[in-house]
Each structure stands twice: as structure tokens, then as C-alpha cells.
Amino acid sequence: MGRKVHPYAFRIGAIKGWNAKWYADKHFSENLLEDLKLRQGIKQKYVDAGISNIEIERQANKVSVTVATSRPGIVIGRGGQRVDEMRKFLEELAGKRIQLNIHEIGQPELDAFLVARSVADQMERRIAYRRAMKQAMFRTRQSGAKGIKIACAGRLGGVEIARREMMHDGRVPLHTIRADIDYGFAEAKTALGRIGVKVWIYRGDILPENKAEAEEAEMTEMTPSAAAQPVARTEAAPAEVSAAPAAEAKPRSRKKAETAVETTAPAADAAPAPKRRSRKAEEKTEEA
């Protein structure tokens, strides 16, 4: 299942959070459609802004939208002019008051969507797909990623029959839930058709913050408690009692040893048996 399910959805609740933070009992479908319009509107209007992720949080009469981008200058503009334009654009789409927040991505090379988008842009500029994939893998590994996998599918190189090629470097443990794996997808619109680009980036493991507390709890479980100490003492008493018969059995073993020595002593004092003479020796004695 690690290779079939979406890597982000597979880790929600463990190490990942939701991109939509709201709850609606009656108007769920309306809010879901509104979120879809906001996300599509932002990505279609600001294609060159390097927008990777959009989080939407709803309150009573206000919607908070957080945009993660690698080029905040394009989104903000001079003096925050473009931010006001984006806010008005989103308010027209949603029909509600919107609070807009801009978040800058520190390392774009470790963002799977931005890497996939860069590979797709190079393919649209007629750069060889293998060269684009290798360059993206090299930059990602240089930025500190522990593993990366890129898959391209379509009419690669302009061939008539579509195929799929994949390159990977390092480890990408898809089945490990604690592994921080980012997934991104982008499409390259070429003259011969569309080419899909998928990217998986392994950025390391996310361990729980209370790891030290868990280790201390394990150590306390391994050490014996105060209630278990009297049980250990009662178990040691029969060992002392059982040692007494062993001490009494020692004289018996000594008597057996003395009797064994007495029986073997006469055999040691007896004279050795005469050796049998050979025929040649007997013939020599007769001739003499």
C-alpha cells in the first residue's frame, strides 16, 4: 500500500496535518467547493510565484488562507500592492472576508511540488528530460535530502509510443510512517502532448518530541518496584534450606572415596605378574 496511497494522506494524523482546518455539519459540500475554487484560482493566476501549498482555516464569518511560496516578492509586490489584489480576488471568489498570510519556503529544493514544476518547465523549453531529472536530483541531494525519486510518463523524447521512466537516488521508505516524505505532481504541456512528472523526496524521520520521557518510562518499568522486593527475599530462603542437605552429603562422599582407596590399595601393593618368554629365548636357554 505504500506505493499506491498518497504519501501525504498516508501520514495524516501521525506526522502530517490537514490542509483544510474547519468543520461543517450542514454546509460541508458548499465549503468544499469554495476551497476548491480558492486553490485553483490562486494557482492559475500566480503560476510563476512558486506556490507549493495552500492552507485554509475557517471561523464564523472569516476565512484564513495561508500561501506557501518560494518567491514571496512576486506575491507581495512593491509595498504589498499585489497582496491587496490577491485578497480582493479571493473575496470575490468566496464572497466572504478573507485574511491572507504569506509564508516563505526556505529551501525550494526540498519541496517536491517545486522540483516537479521545475522539471516540467525545462521539458516545455525542450530540454532533454533525462538531463532535467538528473539536475533536479543532484540539487535536491546537495540540499540535504536523504533520498529522491522522479518518474516521468508520456511521449518522452517525442516518440510515438508513450512510456514511463524513473530515476532514484538514496532511500525513499514509503511504508515507514515516521519518514517525512514529500510528494509533488506537475504536468509539462509540450507540442506532442502532456508529460506527467511525479517526485518523492525523503527528508528524514520525524520522531516524537517526548522521546526522552518515553525512554525514562521504559527504564522505570525495567527496574523492580518496592512491592517486588519481599518476593525476592522469600525466594532466596529455600535456597539456603536446600543447601543444608548438600553439606550433609559431603561425609558420605568422603567415606565412599576412602573405601575406594582401600579396595584399590592391595592391587597396587601386589607384585607384578611375570612376563611370558618368547620361543627364541627358550631355545637359547636349551642350547646353553
C-alpha atoms as a PDB file:
ATOM      1  CA  MET A   1       0.000   0.000   0.000  1.00  0.00           C
ATOM      2  CA  GLY A   2       2.928   2.346   0.457  1.00  0.00           C
ATOM      3  CA  ARG A   3       3.348   2.603  -3.310  1.00  0.00           C
ATOM      4  CA  LYS A   4      -0.358   3.047  -4.056  1.00  0.00           C
ATOM      5  CA  VAL A   5      -1.676   5.508  -1.500  1.00  0.00           C
ATOM      6  CA  HIS A   6      -0.816   9.216  -1.498  1.00  0.00           C
ATOM      7  CA  PRO A   7       2.249   9.715   0.757  1.00  0.00           C
ATOM      8  CA  TYR A   8       0.741  12.798   2.419  1.00  0.00           C
ATOM      9  CA  ALA A   9      -2.664  11.215   3.111  1.00  0.00           C
ATOM     10  CA  PHE A  10      -0.963   8.065   4.440  1.00  0.00           C
ATOM     11  CA  ARG A  11       0.734  10.118   7.201  1.00  0.00           C
ATOM     12  CA  ILE A  12      -2.098  12.445   8.217  1.00  0.00           C
ATOM     13  CA  GLY A  13      -2.626  12.238  11.959  1.00  0.00           C
ATOM     14  CA  ALA A  14       0.839  10.790  12.604  1.00  0.00           C
ATOM     15  CA  ILE A  15       3.363  13.346  11.334  1.00  0.00           C
ATOM     16  CA  LYS A  16       1.273  15.418   8.888  1.00  0.00           C
ATOM     17  CA  GLY A  17      -1.641  17.793   9.410  1.00  0.00           C
ATOM     18  CA  TRP A  18      -4.684  18.758   7.397  1.00  0.00           C
ATOM     19  CA  ASN A  19      -4.523  21.498   4.745  1.00  0.00           C
ATOM     20  CA  ALA A  20      -8.176  22.367   5.415  1.00  0.00           C
ATOM     21  CA  LYS A  21      -8.867  23.134   9.084  1.00  0.00           C
ATOM     22  CA  TRP A  22     -12.598  23.513   9.528  1.00  0.00           C
ATOM     23  CA  TYR A  23     -15.719  21.546  10.365  1.00  0.00           C
ATOM     24  CA  ALA A  24     -19.193  21.902   8.873  1.00  0.00           C
ATOM     25  CA  ASP A  25     -22.203  19.797   9.694  1.00  0.00           C
ATOM     26  CA  LYS A  26     -24.748  21.078   7.162  1.00  0.00           C
ATOM     27  CA  HIS A  27     -22.750  23.096   4.608  1.00  0.00           C
ATOM     28  CA  PHE A  28     -19.882  20.693   4.053  1.00  0.00           C
ATOM     29  CA  SER A  29     -20.259  20.434   0.249  1.00  0.00           C
ATOM     30  CA  GLU A  30     -20.502  24.223  -0.139  1.00  0.00           C
ATOM     31  CA  ASN A  31     -17.323  24.792   1.876  1.00  0.00           C
ATOM     32  CA  LEU A  32     -15.500  22.050  -0.018  1.00  0.00           C
ATOM     33  CA  LEU A  33     -16.420  23.592  -3.387  1.00  0.00           C
ATOM     34  CA  GLU A  34     -15.366  27.001  -2.099  1.00  0.00           C
ATOM     35  CA  ASP A  35     -11.967  25.638  -1.036  1.00  0.00           C
ATOM     36  CA  LEU A  36     -11.514  24.104  -4.480  1.00  0.00           C
ATOM     37  CA  LYS A  37     -12.263  27.435  -6.176  1.00  0.00           C
ATOM     38  CA  LEU A  38      -9.804  29.287  -3.943  1.00  0.00           C
ATOM     39  CA  ARG A  39      -6.977  26.805  -4.546  1.00  0.00           C
ATOM     40  CA  GLN A  40      -7.477  26.654  -8.309  1.00  0.00           C
ATOM     41  CA  GLY A  41      -7.845  30.426  -8.590  1.00  0.00           C
ATOM     42  CA  ILE A  42      -4.584  31.105  -6.732  1.00  0.00           C
ATOM     43  CA  LYS A  43      -2.545  28.537  -8.691  1.00  0.00           C
ATOM     44  CA  GLN A  44      -3.910  29.600 -12.083  1.00  0.00           C
ATOM     45  CA  LYS A  45      -3.417  33.334 -11.553  1.00  0.00           C
ATOM     46  CA  TYR A  46       0.003  33.117  -9.873  1.00  0.00           C
ATOM     47  CA  VAL A  47       1.715  30.392 -11.888  1.00  0.00           C
ATOM     48  CA  ASP A  48       5.198  31.936 -11.718  1.00  0.00           C
ATOM     49  CA  ALA A  49       5.066  32.646  -7.977  1.00  0.00           C
ATOM     50  CA  GLY A  50       6.272  29.167  -6.963  1.00  0.00           C
ATOM     51  CA  ILE A  51       3.238  28.416  -4.789  1.00  0.00           C
ATOM     52  CA  SER A  52       3.539  24.957  -3.259  1.00  0.00           C
ATOM     53  CA  ASN A  53       0.899  24.621  -0.540  1.00  0.00           C
ATOM     54  CA  ILE A  54      -2.313  26.421   0.453  1.00  0.00           C
ATOM     55  CA  GLU A  55      -3.877  26.021   3.901  1.00  0.00           C
ATOM     56  CA  ILE A  56      -7.442  27.168   4.560  1.00  0.00           C
ATOM     57  CA  GLU A  57      -8.872  27.719   8.032  1.00  0.00           C
ATOM     58  CA  ARG A  58     -12.461  28.767   8.636  1.00  0.00           C
ATOM     59  CA  GLN A  59     -14.034  30.611  11.536  1.00  0.00           C
ATOM     60  CA  ALA A  60     -17.505  32.096  11.998  1.00  0.00           C
ATOM     61  CA  ASN A  61     -17.522  34.750   9.253  1.00  0.00           C
ATOM     62  CA  LYS A  62     -13.864  34.796   8.248  1.00  0.00           C
ATOM     63  CA  VAL A  63     -11.646  32.580   6.142  1.00  0.00           C
ATOM     64  CA  SER A  64      -7.882  32.469   6.767  1.00  0.00           C
ATOM     65  CA  VAL A  65      -5.736  31.488   3.764  1.00  0.00           C
ATOM     66  CA  THR A  66      -2.007  30.736   4.202  1.00  0.00           C
ATOM     67  CA  VAL A  67       0.029  30.578   0.990  1.00  0.00           C
ATOM     68  CA  ALA A  68       3.472  28.901   1.000  1.00  0.00           C
ATOM     69  CA  THR A  69       5.635  30.244  -1.814  1.00  0.00           C
ATOM     70  CA  SER A  70       9.291  30.207  -2.800  1.00  0.00           C
ATOM     71  CA  ARG A  71       9.034  33.711  -4.328  1.00  0.00           C
ATOM     72  CA  PRO A  72       7.278  35.911  -1.788  1.00  0.00           C
ATOM     73  CA  GLY A  73       8.355  39.065  -3.615  1.00  0.00           C
ATOM     74  CA  ILE A  74       6.161  38.192  -6.605  1.00  0.00           C
ATOM     75  CA  VAL A  75       3.140  37.549  -4.381  1.00  0.00           C
ATOM     76  CA  ILE A  76       3.622  40.542  -2.077  1.00  0.00           C
ATOM     77  CA  GLY A  77       4.744  43.063  -4.679  1.00  0.00           C
ATOM     78  CA  ARG A  78       6.075  46.540  -4.034  1.00  0.00           C
ATOM     79  CA  GLY A  79       4.653  47.883  -0.802  1.00  0.00           C
ATOM     80  CA  GLY A  80       2.240  44.956  -0.504  1.00  0.00           C
ATOM     81  CA  GLN A  81       0.264  46.032  -3.553  1.00  0.00           C
ATOM     82  CA  ARG A  82      -0.181  42.544  -5.000  1.00  0.00           C
ATOM     83  CA  VAL A  83      -1.275  41.171  -1.632  1.00  0.00           C
ATOM     84  CA  ASP A  84      -4.253  43.530  -1.639  1.00  0.00           C
ATOM     85  CA  GLU A  85      -5.054  42.481  -5.197  1.00  0.00           C
ATOM     86  CA  MET A  86      -4.966  38.797  -4.224  1.00  0.00           C
ATOM     87  CA  ARG A  87      -7.153  39.427  -1.182  1.00  0.00           C
ATOM     88  CA  LYS A  88      -9.798  41.208  -3.262  1.00  0.00           C
ATOM     89  CA  PHE A  89      -9.651  38.449  -5.869  1.00  0.00           C
ATOM     90  CA  LEU A  90     -10.215  35.754  -3.247  1.00  0.00           C
ATOM     91  CA  GLU A  91     -13.037  37.693  -1.576  1.00  0.00           C
ATOM     92  CA  GLU A  92     -14.816  37.886  -4.931  1.00  0.00           C
ATOM     93  CA  LEU A  93     -14.483  34.116  -5.355  1.00  0.00           C
ATOM     94  CA  ALA A  94     -15.623  33.232  -1.837  1.00  0.00           C
ATOM     95  CA  GLY A  95     -17.983  36.099  -1.104  1.00  0.00           C
ATOM     96  CA  LYS A  96     -16.566  36.345   2.420  1.00  0.00           C
ATOM     97  CA  ARG A  97     -13.950  38.277   4.321  1.00  0.00           C
ATOM     98  CA  ILE A  98     -10.525  36.666   3.850  1.00  0.00           C
ATOM     99  CA  GLN A  99      -7.363  37.015   5.917  1.00  0.00           C
ATOM    100  CA  LEU A 100      -4.318  36.350   3.716  1.00  0.00           C
ATOM    101  CA  ASN A 101      -0.981  35.133   5.095  1.00  0.00           C
ATOM    102  CA  ILE A 102       2.199  34.640   3.045  1.00  0.00           C
ATOM    103  CA  HIS A 103       4.748  32.029   4.143  1.00  0.00           C
ATOM    104  CA  GLU A 104       8.184  31.794   2.520  1.00  0.00           C
ATOM    105  CA  ILE A 105       9.693  28.379   1.704  1.00  0.00           C
ATOM    106  CA  GLY A 106      13.285  28.373   2.933  1.00  0.00           C
ATOM    107  CA  GLN A 107      14.618  25.512   0.773  1.00  0.00           C
ATOM    108  CA  PRO A 108      12.712  25.134  -2.510  1.00  0.00           C
ATOM    109  CA  GLU A 109      14.958  22.191  -3.498  1.00  0.00           C
ATOM    110  CA  LEU A 110      13.367  20.094  -0.716  1.00  0.00           C
ATOM    111  CA  ASP A 111       9.796  20.787  -1.851  1.00  0.00           C
ATOM    112  CA  ALA A 112       8.508  18.000  -4.097  1.00  0.00           C
ATOM    113  CA  PHE A 113       5.974  20.129  -5.975  1.00  0.00           C
ATOM    114  CA  LEU A 114       8.505  22.840  -6.800  1.00  0.00           C
ATOM    115  CA  VAL A 115      11.017  20.233  -8.004  1.00  0.00           C
ATOM    116  CA  ALA A 116       8.376  18.610 -10.218  1.00  0.00           C
ATOM    117  CA  ARG A 117       7.344  22.018 -11.556  1.00  0.00           C
ATOM    118  CA  SER A 118      10.954  22.898 -12.421  1.00  0.00           C
ATOM    119  CA  VAL A 119      11.423  19.598 -14.308  1.00  0.00           C
ATOM    120  CA  ALA A 120       8.171  20.193 -16.206  1.00  0.00           C
ATOM    121  CA  ASP A 121       9.211  23.757 -17.111  1.00  0.00           C
ATOM    122  CA  GLN A 122      12.513  22.503 -18.525  1.00  0.00           C
ATOM    123  CA  MET A 123      10.663  19.936 -20.649  1.00  0.00           C
ATOM    124  CA  GLU A 124       8.422  22.688 -22.006  1.00  0.00           C
ATOM    125  CA  ARG A 125      11.579  24.570 -23.032  1.00  0.00           C
ATOM    126  CA  ARG A 126      12.664  21.448 -24.983  1.00  0.00           C
ATOM    127  CA  ILE A 127      15.442  20.429 -22.604  1.00  0.00           C
ATOM    128  CA  ALA A 128      16.200  16.691 -22.523  1.00  0.00           C
ATOM    129  CA  TYR A 129      14.102  15.035 -19.846  1.00  0.00           C
ATOM    130  CA  ARG A 130      16.964  12.887 -18.528  1.00  0.00           C
ATOM    131  CA  ARG A 131      19.177  15.918 -18.087  1.00  0.00           C
ATOM    132  CA  ALA A 132      16.398  17.768 -16.252  1.00  0.00           C
ATOM    133  CA  MET A 133      15.780  14.790 -13.963  1.00  0.00           C
ATOM    134  CA  LYS A 134      19.471  14.328 -13.125  1.00  0.00           C
ATOM    135  CA  GLN A 135      19.975  18.022 -12.386  1.00  0.00           C
ATOM    136  CA  ALA A 136      16.935  18.085 -10.098  1.00  0.00           C
ATOM    137  CA  MET A 137      18.157  15.002  -8.236  1.00  0.00           C
ATOM    138  CA  PHE A 138      21.641  16.473  -7.810  1.00  0.00           C
ATOM    139  CA  ARG A 139      20.345  19.791  -6.424  1.00  0.00           C
ATOM    140  CA  THR A 140      17.955  18.047  -4.052  1.00  0.00           C
ATOM    141  CA  ARG A 141      20.650  15.745  -2.673  1.00  0.00           C
ATOM    142  CA  GLN A 142      23.023  18.675  -2.251  1.00  0.00           C
ATOM    143  CA  SER A 143      20.367  20.488  -0.191  1.00  0.00           C
ATOM    144  CA  GLY A 144      20.325  17.705   2.414  1.00  0.00           C
ATOM    145  CA  ALA A 145      17.662  15.265   1.237  1.00  0.00           C
ATOM    146  CA  LYS A 146      18.256  11.611   2.145  1.00  0.00           C
ATOM    147  CA  GLY A 147      16.562  10.287  -0.974  1.00  0.00           C
ATOM    148  CA  ILE A 148      14.636  11.312  -4.077  1.00  0.00           C
ATOM    149  CA  LYS A 149      12.648   9.513  -6.755  1.00  0.00           C
ATOM    150  CA  ILE A 150      11.411  11.071 -10.016  1.00  0.00           C
ATOM    151  CA  ALA A 151       9.040   9.447 -12.516  1.00  0.00           C
ATOM    152  CA  CYS A 152       8.146  10.864 -15.938  1.00  0.00           C
ATOM    153  CA  ALA A 153       5.398   9.399 -18.142  1.00  0.00           C
ATOM    154  CA  GLY A 154       4.307  10.368 -21.642  1.00  0.00           C
ATOM    155  CA  ARG A 155       5.811  10.754 -25.098  1.00  0.00           C
ATOM    156  CA  LEU A 156       9.338  11.149 -23.807  1.00  0.00           C
ATOM    157  CA  GLY A 157      11.756  12.377 -26.450  1.00  0.00           C
ATOM    158  CA  GLY A 158       8.945  12.794 -28.985  1.00  0.00           C
ATOM    159  CA  VAL A 159       8.428   9.069 -29.609  1.00  0.00           C
ATOM    160  CA  GLU A 160       5.111   7.766 -30.913  1.00  0.00           C
ATOM    161  CA  ILE A 161       4.542   5.256 -28.099  1.00  0.00           C
ATOM    162  CA  ALA A 162       4.291   6.689 -24.601  1.00  0.00           C
ATOM    163  CA  ARG A 163       6.404   5.152 -21.861  1.00  0.00           C
ATOM    164  CA  ARG A 164       7.437   5.717 -18.269  1.00  0.00           C
ATOM    165  CA  GLU A 165      10.937   6.264 -16.903  1.00  0.00           C
ATOM    166  CA  MET A 166      12.031   6.520 -13.298  1.00  0.00           C
ATOM    167  CA  MET A 167      15.229   7.628 -11.567  1.00  0.00           C
ATOM    168  CA  HIS A 168      16.044   7.489  -7.877  1.00  0.00           C
ATOM    169  CA  ASP A 169      18.932   8.329  -5.598  1.00  0.00           C
ATOM    170  CA  GLY A 170      19.158   7.402  -1.921  1.00  0.00           C
ATOM    171  CA  ARG A 171      16.392   5.904   0.212  1.00  0.00           C
ATOM    172  CA  VAL A 172      12.663   6.589  -0.119  1.00  0.00           C
ATOM    173  CA  PRO A 173      10.893   4.396   2.523  1.00  0.00           C
ATOM    174  CA  LEU A 174       7.239   4.735   1.526  1.00  0.00           C
ATOM    175  CA  HIS A 175       5.980   2.214   4.121  1.00  0.00           C
ATOM    176  CA  THR A 176       7.617   3.961   7.106  1.00  0.00           C
ATOM    177  CA  ILE A 177       5.044   6.284   8.641  1.00  0.00           C
ATOM    178  CA  ARG A 178       7.571   8.336  10.623  1.00  0.00           C
ATOM    179  CA  ALA A 179       9.501   9.074   7.406  1.00  0.00           C
ATOM    180  CA  ASP A 180       8.993  12.668   6.246  1.00  0.00           C
ATOM    181  CA  ILE A 181       8.256  12.101   2.544  1.00  0.00           C
ATOM    182  CA  ASP A 182       7.009  14.959   0.381  1.00  0.00           C
ATOM    183  CA  TYR A 183       5.137  14.218  -2.838  1.00  0.00           C
ATOM    184  CA  GLY A 184       4.520  16.501  -5.802  1.00  0.00           C
ATOM    185  CA  PHE A 185       2.972  16.249  -9.251  1.00  0.00           C
ATOM    186  CA  ALA A 186       3.212  18.544 -12.269  1.00  0.00           C
ATOM    187  CA  GLU A 187       2.415  18.406 -15.987  1.00  0.00           C
ATOM    188  CA  ALA A 188       4.549  19.587 -18.880  1.00  0.00           C
ATOM    189  CA  LYS A 189       2.405  20.820 -21.797  1.00  0.00           C
ATOM    190  CA  THR A 190       4.529  20.117 -24.872  1.00  0.00           C
ATOM    191  CA  ALA A 191       3.683  20.290 -28.582  1.00  0.00           C
ATOM    192  CA  LEU A 192       3.454  16.494 -28.761  1.00  0.00           C
ATOM    193  CA  GLY A 193       1.256  16.076 -25.693  1.00  0.00           C
ATOM    194  CA  ARG A 194       1.358  16.250 -21.929  1.00  0.00           C
ATOM    195  CA  ILE A 195       4.079  14.647 -19.812  1.00  0.00           C
ATOM    196  CA  GLY A 196       3.414  13.881 -16.168  1.00  0.00           C
ATOM    197  CA  VAL A 197       6.146  14.369 -13.568  1.00  0.00           C
ATOM    198  CA  LYS A 198       5.977  12.804 -10.086  1.00  0.00           C
ATOM    199  CA  VAL A 199       8.526  13.486  -7.357  1.00  0.00           C
ATOM    200  CA  TRP A 200       9.063  11.817  -3.962  1.00  0.00           C
ATOM    201  CA  ILE A 201      11.572  13.411  -1.550  1.00  0.00           C
ATOM    202  CA  TYR A 202      12.697  11.759   1.695  1.00  0.00           C
ATOM    203  CA  ARG A 203      13.776  14.436   4.184  1.00  0.00           C
ATOM    204  CA  GLY A 204      14.455  12.232   7.211  1.00  0.00           C
ATOM    205  CA  ASP A 205      12.434  10.821  10.102  1.00  0.00           C
ATOM    206  CA  ILE A 206      10.136  12.818  12.361  1.00  0.00           C
ATOM    207  CA  LEU A 207      10.479  11.465  15.915  1.00  0.00           C
ATOM    208  CA  PRO A 208       8.113  12.342  18.796  1.00  0.00           C
ATOM    209  CA  GLU A 209       9.098  15.270  20.986  1.00  0.00           C
ATOM    210  CA  ASN A 210       8.618  13.290  24.200  1.00  0.00           C
ATOM    211  CA  LYS A 211      11.151  10.635  23.234  1.00  0.00           C
ATOM    212  CA  ALA A 212      13.200  11.271  26.390  1.00  0.00           C
ATOM    213  CA  GLU A 213      10.094  10.871  28.552  1.00  0.00           C
ATOM    214  CA  ALA A 214       9.249   7.593  26.838  1.00  0.00           C
ATOM    215  CA  GLU A 215      12.769   6.290  27.461  1.00  0.00           C
ATOM    216  CA  GLU A 216      12.534   7.219  31.155  1.00  0.00           C
ATOM    217  CA  ALA A 217       9.195   5.417  31.423  1.00  0.00           C
ATOM    218  CA  GLU A 218      10.731   2.308  29.883  1.00  0.00           C
ATOM    219  CA  MET A 219      13.619   2.425  32.354  1.00  0.00           C
ATOM    220  CA  THR A 220      11.235   2.683  35.313  1.00  0.00           C
ATOM    221  CA  GLU A 221       9.304  -0.329  34.027  1.00  0.00           C
ATOM    222  CA  MET A 222      12.506  -2.360  33.707  1.00  0.00           C
ATOM    223  CA  THR A 223      13.675  -1.605  37.306  1.00  0.00           C
ATOM    224  CA  PRO A 224      11.997  -3.727  40.090  1.00  0.00           C
ATOM    225  CA  SER A 225       9.417  -1.952  42.234  1.00  0.00           C
ATOM    226  CA  ALA A 226       9.311  -1.846  46.045  1.00  0.00           C
ATOM    227  CA  ALA A 227       6.465  -4.339  46.156  1.00  0.00           C
ATOM    228  CA  ALA A 228       8.535  -6.933  44.326  1.00  0.00           C
ATOM    229  CA  GLN A 229      11.455  -6.815  46.788  1.00  0.00           C
ATOM    230  CA  PRO A 230       9.891  -9.059  49.561  1.00  0.00           C
ATOM    231  CA  VAL A 231       9.092 -11.679  46.926  1.00  0.00           C
ATOM    232  CA  ALA A 232      12.764 -11.855  46.012  1.00  0.00           C
ATOM    233  CA  ARG A 233      13.703 -12.391  49.691  1.00  0.00           C
ATOM    234  CA  THR A 234      11.203 -15.218  50.164  1.00  0.00           C
ATOM    235  CA  GLU A 235      12.537 -16.921  47.055  1.00  0.00           C
ATOM    236  CA  ALA A 236      16.101 -16.767  48.458  1.00  0.00           C
ATOM    237  CA  ALA A 237      15.135 -18.634  51.703  1.00  0.00           C
ATOM    238  CA  PRO A 238      14.517 -22.058  50.116  1.00  0.00           C
ATOM    239  CA  ALA A 239      17.931 -21.843  48.521  1.00  0.00           C
ATOM    240  CA  GLU A 240      19.536 -21.746  51.994  1.00  0.00           C
ATOM    241  CA  VAL A 241      17.431 -24.700  53.149  1.00  0.00           C
ATOM    242  CA  SER A 242      18.297 -26.710  50.087  1.00  0.00           C
ATOM    243  CA  ALA A 243      21.987 -26.020  50.686  1.00  0.00           C
ATOM    244  CA  ALA A 244      21.901 -27.946  54.003  1.00  0.00           C
ATOM    245  CA  PRO A 245      21.381 -31.428  52.507  1.00  0.00           C
ATOM    246  CA  ALA A 246      24.224 -30.770  50.143  1.00  0.00           C
ATOM    247  CA  ALA A 247      26.515 -30.043  53.099  1.00  0.00           C
ATOM    248  CA  GLU A 248      25.369 -33.228  54.855  1.00  0.00           C
ATOM    249  CA  ALA A 249      26.060 -35.299  51.761  1.00  0.00           C
ATOM    250  CA  LYS A 250      29.769 -34.420  51.788  1.00  0.00           C
ATOM    251  CA  PRO A 251      30.822 -37.008  54.512  1.00  0.00           C
ATOM    252  CA  ARG A 252      29.099 -39.765  52.576  1.00  0.00           C
ATOM    253  CA  SER A 253      31.138 -38.919  49.536  1.00  0.00           C
ATOM    254  CA  ARG A 254      34.325 -38.967  51.659  1.00  0.00           C
ATOM    255  CA  LYS A 255      33.505 -42.465  53.017  1.00  0.00           C
ATOM    256  CA  LYS A 256      32.958 -43.730  49.515  1.00  0.00           C
ATOM    257  CA  ALA A 257      36.289 -42.257  48.495  1.00  0.00           C
ATOM    258  CA  GLU A 258      38.079 -43.944  51.467  1.00  0.00           C
ATOM    259  CA  THR A 259      36.551 -47.330  50.674  1.00  0.00           C
ATOM    260  CA  ALA A 260      37.555 -46.930  47.064  1.00  0.00           C
ATOM    261  CA  VAL A 261      41.159 -46.189  48.110  1.00  0.00           C
ATOM    262  CA  GLU A 262      41.212 -49.229  50.427  1.00  0.00           C
ATOM    263  CA  THR A 263      39.963 -51.548  47.696  1.00  0.00           C
ATOM    264  CA  THR A 264      42.489 -50.278  45.202  1.00  0.00           C
ATOM    265  CA  ALA A 265      45.467 -50.267  47.655  1.00  0.00           C
ATOM    266  CA  PRO A 266      46.115 -54.080  47.709  1.00  0.00           C
ATOM    267  CA  ALA A 267      46.117 -54.157  43.980  1.00  0.00           C
ATOM    268  CA  ALA A 268      48.822 -51.509  43.994  1.00  0.00           C
ATOM    269  CA  ASP A 269      50.962 -53.420  46.614  1.00  0.00           C
ATOM    270  CA  ALA A 270      50.758 -56.778  44.796  1.00  0.00           C
ATOM    271  CA  ALA A 271      53.797 -57.975  42.825  1.00  0.00           C
ATOM    272  CA  PRO A 272      53.662 -57.544  39.082  1.00  0.00           C
ATOM    273  CA  ALA A 273      52.779 -60.623  37.014  1.00  0.00           C
ATOM    274  CA  PRO A 274      55.752 -62.414  35.299  1.00  0.00           C
ATOM    275  CA  LYS A 275      56.234 -61.719  31.657  1.00  0.00           C
ATOM    276  CA  ARG A 276      55.871 -64.598  29.164  1.00  0.00           C
ATOM    277  CA  ARG A 277      59.123 -65.549  27.440  1.00  0.00           C
ATOM    278  CA  SER A 278      59.307 -65.913  23.709  1.00  0.00           C
ATOM    279  CA  ARG A 279      60.245 -69.186  21.889  1.00  0.00           C
ATOM    280  CA  LYS A 280      63.627 -67.834  20.749  1.00  0.00           C
ATOM    281  CA  ALA A 281      64.635 -67.098  24.320  1.00  0.00           C
ATOM    282  CA  GLU A 282      63.623 -70.604  25.426  1.00  0.00           C
ATOM    283  CA  GLU A 283      65.649 -72.214  22.551  1.00  0.00           C
ATOM    284  CA  LYS A 284      68.735 -70.219  23.528  1.00  0.00           C
ATOM    285  CA  THR A 285      68.475 -71.374  27.122  1.00  0.00           C
ATOM    286  CA  GLU A 286      68.158 -75.038  25.997  1.00  0.00           C
ATOM    287  CA  GLU A 287      71.258 -74.775  23.733  1.00  0.00           C
ATOM    288  CA  ALA A 288      73.226 -73.264  26.598  1.00  0.00           C
END
